[in-house]
Amino acid sequence: MNFFLNGSTWLKNLSNFENSSVFNTTPEISENYSPNDYLPSKAFIWCIFLAYIAFFILSIVGNGTVCMAIGSGFLKPTVTNFFMCNLAASDILVSVFCIPFTVLSNLVFMYWPFGSFLCPIISLIQLMTTLLRAFTLVAMTCDRYYVVSRPFKPRLNAKQAKLVIAGIWIFSLTVCMPSAVFSTIIYLPYEPGSKGLCVEVWPDLSLHQVYGIVIMLLQYFGPLLLMCITYSHIAVIVWKKRTPGEANRKRDERREKSKKKMMTMLVMTVINYFLSWLPYHVISIVGDVNPSVYDSKDVHALWIMAHLLSFSNSGTNAIIYYWRNNNFRIAFRNLRKGLKKGPLSKAENRRIPIRSMSSYNYRRNSRLSSTWSS
């Protein structure tokens, strides 16, 4: 199941090709077919092209800053930060391996110009990065739920978090291997499809459909359902439980403020993930149920916009981190100052005032309260 390569200009005829390849027949192509009938206007293409560039820059700069802030010690190496660094790294991979190849093949050339060698490799990397993002969000959700529901029990340590991240990468790579195995270049009997398209050609159509459903469940519907249920339960726990320790007004006010910021960030993250991938999956499901929708001349524009919206998740995540997390704002400022002054010595690095989660253990005398601010 290829999320990004080759736009929907050729979806209808690619569907016919896939069906015909299974039964060794010739794909049906309308005599009145013209590729220009499916192409959006040049103004629309330029707007989408500029939007891709904007999201690419935003993702590289924003997520690169997150990785640098954690890797350089401007943010403490907590379990949550390890997961956020992995999520940022996967977003960077999406931007590097999805946006350029998608823009060039879908908007510029309208065919696959990168040869048969890169076709399975890029297909594998693109699908793997999308699963990495989904599984990392699930890991962050489970870790957050465990900390909130069991505040006095030991959570994952740094070594265990790294093992979880390694397991996510291995599992994602394993699941995506069929996409690389069956990705190949096909040549259609009209321009520009005659120059080659990078698609998955499976020996059994039903097997391809099952694989597509499994990927859709793993990448979108499964994580979404889990995140909605888990964060709803977290909200109930946060609002009902009182902070252990001596009650005082200032502490309660800080707790309420941290509570609201934390829940806002969680809700925004879930909504962002849900909305950014919703149009793509709606088009895919509708197209599987009724392939005739691909006969519409507007479907290519909708498909490109759905791809653009799914890409936007990579850049907007960094905005949410900066907006709703004070730790990241302080780290970003310190990192920017450090880059201007040059590399910091170990003594200077230790003196950087970072507001970490552990500082709340001393202020509030409660591990439960410290989790709200992260």
Protein backbone atom coordinates (compact mmCIF):
# COMPACT_ATOMS: atom_id res chain seq x y z
CA MET A 1 0.00 0.00 0.00
CA ASN A 2 1.78 3.09 -1.25
CA PHE A 3 0.63 6.27 0.47
CA PHE A 4 2.41 8.84 -1.62
CA LEU A 5 3.88 7.76 -4.93
CA ASN A 6 1.96 8.64 -8.11
CA GLY A 7 -1.07 10.83 -7.78
CA SER A 8 -4.64 10.05 -8.66
CA THR A 9 -4.45 11.24 -12.28
CA TRP A 10 -4.00 7.62 -13.23
CA LEU A 11 -5.91 5.96 -10.38
CA LYS A 12 -8.79 4.68 -12.47
CA ASN A 13 -6.57 3.21 -15.15
CA LEU A 14 -4.07 1.91 -12.61
CA SER A 15 -6.97 0.09 -10.97
CA ASN A 16 -7.81 -1.43 -14.33
CA PHE A 17 -4.15 -2.34 -14.85
CA GLU A 18 -3.92 -4.06 -11.49
CA ASN A 19 -7.04 -6.08 -12.11
CA SER A 20 -5.88 -7.02 -15.57
CA SER A 21 -2.41 -8.01 -14.38
CA VAL A 22 -3.94 -10.62 -12.13
CA PHE A 23 -5.86 -12.20 -14.97
CA ASN A 24 -3.28 -11.54 -17.72
CA THR A 25 -5.61 -9.33 -19.72
CA THR A 26 -5.23 -5.92 -21.27
CA PRO A 27 -6.37 -2.95 -19.18
CA GLU A 28 -9.44 -1.14 -20.42
CA ILE A 29 -8.77 2.46 -21.46
CA SER A 30 -11.42 4.79 -22.74
CA GLU A 31 -10.99 5.83 -26.38
CA ASN A 32 -11.79 9.40 -25.42
CA TYR A 33 -9.26 9.40 -22.56
CA SER A 34 -6.90 12.35 -22.37
CA PRO A 35 -4.47 12.91 -19.49
CA ASN A 36 -5.22 16.64 -19.63
CA ASP A 37 -8.80 15.90 -18.62
CA TYR A 38 -7.52 14.95 -15.16
CA LEU A 39 -4.90 17.65 -14.68
CA PRO A 40 -5.70 20.56 -12.32
CA SER A 41 -5.01 24.14 -13.32
CA LYS A 42 -1.49 25.53 -13.26
CA ALA A 43 -2.49 28.04 -10.57
CA PHE A 44 -3.67 25.19 -8.35
CA ILE A 45 -0.46 23.23 -8.94
CA TRP A 46 1.67 26.25 -8.05
CA CYS A 47 -0.30 26.82 -4.83
CA ILE A 48 0.13 23.19 -3.82
CA PHE A 49 3.80 23.30 -4.78
CA LEU A 50 4.44 26.35 -2.57
CA ALA A 51 2.49 24.75 0.27
CA TYR A 52 4.67 21.62 0.01
CA ILE A 53 7.78 23.78 0.24
CA ALA A 54 6.43 25.65 3.27
CA PHE A 55 5.61 22.45 5.14
CA PHE A 56 8.96 20.95 4.16
CA ILE A 57 10.88 23.89 5.63
CA LEU A 58 8.67 23.99 8.72
CA SER A 59 9.13 20.27 9.34
CA ILE A 60 12.91 20.25 8.84
CA VAL A 61 13.51 23.34 10.98
CA GLY A 62 10.97 22.53 13.70
CA ASN A 63 11.66 18.83 14.10
CA GLY A 64 15.38 19.32 13.59
CA THR A 65 15.34 21.77 16.49
CA VAL A 66 13.53 19.23 18.65
CA CYS A 67 16.17 16.56 17.91
CA MET A 68 19.03 19.00 18.48
CA ALA A 69 17.53 20.26 21.75
CA ILE A 70 17.25 16.72 23.12
CA GLY A 71 20.48 15.40 21.65
CA SER A 72 22.54 18.40 22.81
CA GLY A 73 21.29 18.27 26.37
CA PHE A 74 19.12 21.38 26.28
CA LEU A 75 16.27 19.08 27.24
CA LYS A 76 16.81 16.34 29.80
CA PRO A 77 16.85 12.78 28.45
CA THR A 78 13.50 11.71 29.87
CA VAL A 79 11.40 8.89 28.46
CA THR A 80 8.85 11.34 27.06
CA ASN A 81 11.58 13.33 25.34
CA PHE A 82 13.06 10.15 23.83
CA PHE A 83 9.69 9.36 22.25
CA MET A 84 9.25 12.94 21.07
CA CYS A 85 12.72 12.85 19.53
CA ASN A 86 11.83 9.64 17.69
CA LEU A 87 8.59 11.21 16.50
CA ALA A 88 10.48 14.29 15.30
CA ALA A 89 13.03 12.07 13.52
CA SER A 90 10.26 10.16 11.75
CA ASP A 91 8.68 13.48 10.72
CA ILE A 92 12.02 14.54 9.23
CA LEU A 93 12.22 11.27 7.30
CA VAL A 94 8.71 11.86 5.99
CA SER A 95 9.74 15.31 4.80
CA VAL A 96 12.96 14.10 3.17
CA PHE A 97 11.70 10.91 1.51
CA CYS A 98 8.04 11.72 0.89
CA ILE A 99 7.68 15.37 -0.05
CA PRO A 100 10.41 15.67 -2.75
CA PHE A 101 9.57 12.40 -4.51
CA THR A 102 5.83 13.03 -4.27
CA VAL A 103 6.07 16.58 -5.60
CA LEU A 104 8.35 15.65 -8.48
CA SER A 105 6.47 12.52 -9.55
CA ASN A 106 2.94 13.89 -9.04
CA LEU A 107 3.20 17.58 -9.87
CA VAL A 108 6.26 18.05 -12.07
CA PHE A 109 6.87 14.95 -14.21
CA MET A 110 3.56 13.11 -13.73
CA TYR A 111 5.50 9.83 -13.93
CA TRP A 112 8.27 8.08 -11.96
CA PRO A 113 11.61 9.51 -13.19
CA PHE A 114 13.92 7.96 -10.58
CA GLY A 115 14.41 4.49 -12.07
CA SER A 116 13.57 0.96 -11.02
CA PHE A 117 16.25 0.81 -8.31
CA LEU A 118 14.75 3.60 -6.18
CA CYS A 119 11.14 2.53 -6.68
CA PRO A 120 11.04 -0.27 -4.03
CA ILE A 121 13.43 1.60 -1.72
CA ILE A 122 11.39 4.79 -1.64
CA SER A 123 8.16 2.80 -1.34
CA LEU A 124 9.58 1.01 1.70
CA ILE A 125 10.88 4.17 3.39
CA GLN A 126 7.70 6.15 2.78
CA LEU A 127 5.41 3.52 4.24
CA MET A 128 7.79 2.78 7.10
CA THR A 129 7.98 6.43 8.17
CA THR A 130 4.21 6.74 8.32
CA LEU A 131 4.01 3.67 10.56
CA LEU A 132 6.86 4.99 12.71
CA ARG A 133 4.86 8.11 13.48
CA ALA A 134 1.75 6.13 14.36
CA PHE A 135 3.54 3.61 16.58
CA THR A 136 5.54 6.33 18.34
CA LEU A 137 2.32 8.17 19.18
CA VAL A 138 0.93 4.91 20.56
CA ALA A 139 4.06 4.40 22.69
CA MET A 140 3.82 7.95 24.03
CA THR A 141 0.15 7.43 24.81
CA CYS A 142 0.77 4.19 26.70
CA ASP A 143 3.65 5.73 28.65
CA ARG A 144 1.56 8.76 29.59
CA TYR A 145 -1.36 6.61 30.66
CA TYR A 146 0.87 4.42 32.83
CA VAL A 147 2.43 7.45 34.56
CA VAL A 148 -0.92 9.12 35.23
CA SER A 149 -2.79 6.00 36.32
CA ARG A 150 0.07 4.61 38.45
CA PRO A 151 1.99 7.66 39.69
CA PHE A 152 3.87 5.87 42.46
CA LYS A 153 5.08 2.92 40.40
CA PRO A 154 8.35 3.08 38.45
CA ARG A 155 7.92 4.05 34.82
CA LEU A 156 10.10 3.12 31.86
CA ASN A 157 13.73 4.07 32.22
CA ALA A 158 15.92 5.42 29.44
CA LYS A 159 17.27 1.98 28.46
CA GLN A 160 13.79 0.47 28.24
CA ALA A 161 12.54 3.44 26.21
CA LYS A 162 15.37 2.96 23.71
CA LEU A 163 14.47 -0.73 23.42
CA VAL A 164 10.84 0.20 22.74
CA ILE A 165 11.94 2.65 20.04
CA ALA A 166 14.20 0.00 18.49
CA GLY A 167 11.28 -2.43 18.52
CA ILE A 168 9.08 0.15 16.77
CA TRP A 169 11.64 0.53 13.99
CA ILE A 170 12.10 -3.23 13.55
CA PHE A 171 8.34 -3.90 13.53
CA SER A 172 7.67 -1.05 11.09
CA LEU A 173 10.38 -2.30 8.74
CA THR A 174 9.05 -5.86 8.89
CA VAL A 175 5.45 -4.84 8.18
CA CYS A 176 6.51 -2.71 5.20
CA MET A 177 8.70 -5.29 3.48
CA PRO A 178 5.89 -6.57 1.20
CA SER A 179 5.53 -3.05 -0.20
CA ALA A 180 9.17 -3.09 -1.26
CA VAL A 181 8.97 -6.63 -2.63
CA PHE A 182 5.99 -5.92 -4.91
CA SER A 183 6.86 -2.34 -5.93
CA THR A 184 7.90 -2.11 -9.54
CA ILE A 185 7.77 0.12 -12.62
CA ILE A 186 4.81 -0.32 -14.95
CA TYR A 187 4.34 1.28 -18.35
CA LEU A 188 0.91 2.36 -19.54
CA PRO A 189 -0.02 2.81 -23.22
CA TYR A 190 -0.36 6.61 -23.06
CA GLU A 191 1.61 9.67 -22.03
CA PRO A 192 3.00 10.31 -19.49
CA GLY A 193 2.21 6.88 -18.02
CA SER A 194 4.17 5.28 -20.85
CA LYS A 195 7.35 6.64 -19.21
CA GLY A 196 6.74 4.51 -16.13
CA LEU A 197 4.89 4.61 -12.83
CA CYS A 198 6.10 3.20 -9.52
CA VAL A 199 3.28 1.05 -8.12
CA GLU A 200 2.73 -2.15 -6.20
CA VAL A 201 1.84 -5.11 -8.41
CA TRP A 202 0.72 -8.08 -6.32
CA PRO A 203 0.23 -11.60 -7.71
CA ASP A 204 -3.10 -11.86 -5.89
CA LEU A 205 -5.51 -8.92 -5.80
CA SER A 206 -7.31 -10.17 -2.68
CA LEU A 207 -3.99 -10.43 -0.85
CA HIS A 208 -3.20 -6.85 -1.81
CA GLN A 209 -6.56 -5.71 -0.46
CA VAL A 210 -6.02 -7.52 2.83
CA TYR A 211 -2.58 -5.96 3.17
CA GLY A 212 -4.01 -2.52 2.49
CA ILE A 213 -6.66 -2.98 5.19
CA VAL A 214 -4.03 -4.13 7.70
CA ILE A 215 -1.84 -1.11 6.96
CA MET A 216 -4.80 1.25 7.26
CA LEU A 217 -5.72 -0.22 10.65
CA LEU A 218 -2.14 -0.10 11.92
CA GLN A 219 -1.43 3.38 10.63
CA TYR A 220 -4.68 5.22 11.34
CA PHE A 221 -7.78 3.64 12.79
CA GLY A 222 -6.10 1.49 15.45
CA PRO A 223 -3.88 4.26 16.89
CA LEU A 224 -6.68 6.79 16.64
CA LEU A 225 -9.11 4.61 18.59
CA LEU A 226 -6.48 3.83 21.22
CA MET A 227 -5.48 7.48 21.63
CA CYS A 228 -9.06 8.69 21.95
CA ILE A 229 -9.96 6.10 24.59
CA THR A 230 -6.71 6.48 26.53
CA TYR A 231 -6.65 10.28 26.59
CA SER A 232 -10.31 10.37 27.59
CA HIS A 233 -9.47 8.16 30.56
CA ILE A 234 -6.46 10.33 31.35
CA ALA A 235 -8.70 13.38 31.40
CA VAL A 236 -11.01 11.69 33.88
CA ILE A 237 -8.08 10.73 36.12
CA VAL A 238 -6.52 14.19 35.97
CA TRP A 239 -9.72 16.00 36.81
CA LYS A 240 -10.82 13.70 39.61
CA LYS A 241 -7.61 12.90 41.48
CA ARG A 242 -6.24 15.32 44.03
CA THR A 243 -2.55 16.00 44.34
CA PRO A 244 -1.06 14.20 47.35
CA GLY A 245 0.59 16.36 50.00
CA GLU A 246 -0.34 19.39 52.00
CA ALA A 247 -3.13 21.31 50.33
CA ASN A 248 -2.56 24.97 49.55
CA ARG A 249 -4.09 27.44 47.16
CA LYS A 250 -0.99 28.26 45.13
CA ARG A 251 -0.20 24.61 44.57
CA ASP A 252 -3.75 23.92 43.44
CA GLU A 253 -3.65 26.88 41.07
CA ARG A 254 -0.41 25.65 39.52
CA ARG A 255 -1.88 22.18 39.24
CA GLU A 256 -5.00 23.43 37.50
CA LYS A 257 -2.97 25.54 35.08
CA SER A 258 -0.60 22.67 34.25
CA LYS A 259 -3.57 20.34 33.93
CA LYS A 260 -5.26 22.51 31.35
CA LYS A 261 -2.08 22.98 29.31
CA MET A 262 -1.35 19.28 29.31
CA MET A 263 -4.86 18.28 28.27
CA THR A 264 -4.95 20.97 25.58
CA MET A 265 -1.70 19.66 24.11
CA LEU A 266 -2.93 16.06 24.15
CA VAL A 267 -6.26 16.95 22.55
CA MET A 268 -4.55 19.08 19.91
CA THR A 269 -2.13 16.27 19.07
CA VAL A 270 -4.93 13.74 18.63
CA ILE A 271 -7.09 16.12 16.58
CA ASN A 272 -4.09 17.10 14.44
CA TYR A 273 -3.32 13.46 13.65
CA PHE A 274 -6.98 12.65 13.03
CA LEU A 275 -7.71 15.56 10.69
CA SER A 276 -4.46 15.42 8.72
CA TRP A 277 -5.00 11.81 7.63
CA LEU A 278 -8.80 11.74 7.47
CA PRO A 279 -9.24 12.98 3.85
CA TYR A 280 -6.73 10.49 2.48
CA HIS A 281 -8.43 7.52 4.10
CA VAL A 282 -11.90 8.75 3.15
CA ILE A 283 -10.88 8.94 -0.51
CA SER A 284 -9.22 5.52 -0.30
CA ILE A 285 -12.25 3.85 1.29
CA VAL A 286 -14.73 5.49 -1.09
CA GLY A 287 -12.54 4.54 -4.06
CA ASP A 288 -12.32 0.93 -2.93
CA VAL A 289 -16.09 0.72 -2.51
CA ASN A 290 -16.91 2.61 -5.71
CA PRO A 291 -13.96 2.86 -8.16
CA SER A 292 -16.07 4.99 -10.51
CA VAL A 293 -15.33 8.04 -8.34
CA TYR A 294 -11.90 8.09 -9.96
CA ASP A 295 -13.57 9.00 -13.26
CA SER A 296 -14.20 12.49 -11.90
CA LYS A 297 -11.80 15.15 -13.16
CA ASP A 298 -11.69 16.69 -9.67
CA VAL A 299 -10.40 13.57 -7.96
CA HIS A 300 -6.76 14.34 -8.77
CA ALA A 301 -7.01 17.74 -7.08
CA LEU A 302 -8.65 16.16 -4.05
CA TRP A 303 -6.00 13.46 -3.92
CA ILE A 304 -3.16 15.98 -4.01
CA MET A 305 -4.82 18.08 -1.31
CA ALA A 306 -5.26 14.96 0.85
CA HIS A 307 -1.56 14.16 0.45
CA LEU A 308 -0.64 17.73 1.33
CA LEU A 309 -2.77 17.63 4.46
CA SER A 310 -1.20 14.34 5.57
CA PHE A 311 2.25 15.90 5.12
CA SER A 312 1.22 18.92 7.19
CA ASN A 313 1.14 16.74 10.31
CA SER A 314 4.95 16.64 10.27
CA GLY A 315 5.30 20.40 10.48
CA THR A 316 2.38 21.23 12.74
CA ASN A 317 3.59 18.83 15.43
CA ALA A 318 6.60 21.08 16.04
CA ILE A 319 4.29 24.08 16.38
CA ILE A 320 2.24 22.29 19.02
CA TYR A 321 5.37 21.38 20.98
CA TYR A 322 6.56 24.96 21.04
CA TRP A 323 3.17 26.49 21.75
CA ARG A 324 1.95 24.21 24.52
CA ASN A 325 5.15 22.99 26.23
CA ASN A 326 7.16 25.48 28.26
CA ASN A 327 10.12 23.09 28.49
CA PHE A 328 10.54 23.15 24.73
CA ARG A 329 10.17 26.91 24.50
CA ILE A 330 12.98 27.39 27.02
CA ALA A 331 15.12 24.75 25.31
CA PHE A 332 14.58 26.31 21.88
CA ARG A 333 15.64 29.72 23.17
CA ASN A 334 18.71 28.29 24.87
CA LEU A 335 19.59 26.31 21.75
CA ARG A 336 19.30 29.41 19.60
CA LYS A 337 21.57 31.33 21.98
CA GLY A 338 24.01 28.43 22.03
CA LEU A 339 24.15 28.31 18.23
CA LYS A 340 24.86 32.03 18.09
CA LYS A 341 27.66 31.80 20.66
CA GLY A 342 29.11 28.55 19.36
CA PRO A 343 29.55 25.22 21.17
CA LEU A 344 29.10 25.37 24.93
CA SER A 345 31.50 23.92 27.45
CA LYS A 346 30.29 21.26 29.86
CA ALA A 347 30.29 23.78 32.70
CA GLU A 348 28.20 26.24 30.68
CA ASN A 349 25.85 23.49 29.58
CA ARG A 350 25.22 22.49 33.21
CA ARG A 351 24.31 26.07 34.11
CA ILE A 352 21.57 26.34 31.47
CA PRO A 353 18.29 26.90 33.35
CA ILE A 354 16.06 24.14 32.09
CA ARG A 355 12.67 23.69 33.65
CA SER A 356 12.50 19.94 33.73
CA MET A 357 9.74 17.65 34.93
CA SER A 358 11.77 16.60 37.96
CA SER A 359 11.81 20.15 39.34
CA TYR A 360 8.15 19.81 40.20
CA ASN A 361 8.91 16.92 42.50
CA TYR A 362 10.59 19.37 44.85
CA ARG A 363 8.07 22.18 44.45
CA ARG A 364 4.98 20.10 44.87
CA ASN A 365 6.40 17.07 46.71
CA SER A 366 4.44 14.89 44.41
CA ARG A 367 5.38 12.78 41.42
CA LEU A 368 1.78 12.84 40.25
CA SER A 369 1.79 16.62 40.00
CA SER A 370 5.05 16.63 38.07
CA THR A 371 3.50 14.65 35.23
CA TRP A 372 0.92 17.35 34.51
CA SER A 373 3.52 19.87 33.36
CA SER A 374 5.26 17.64 30.86
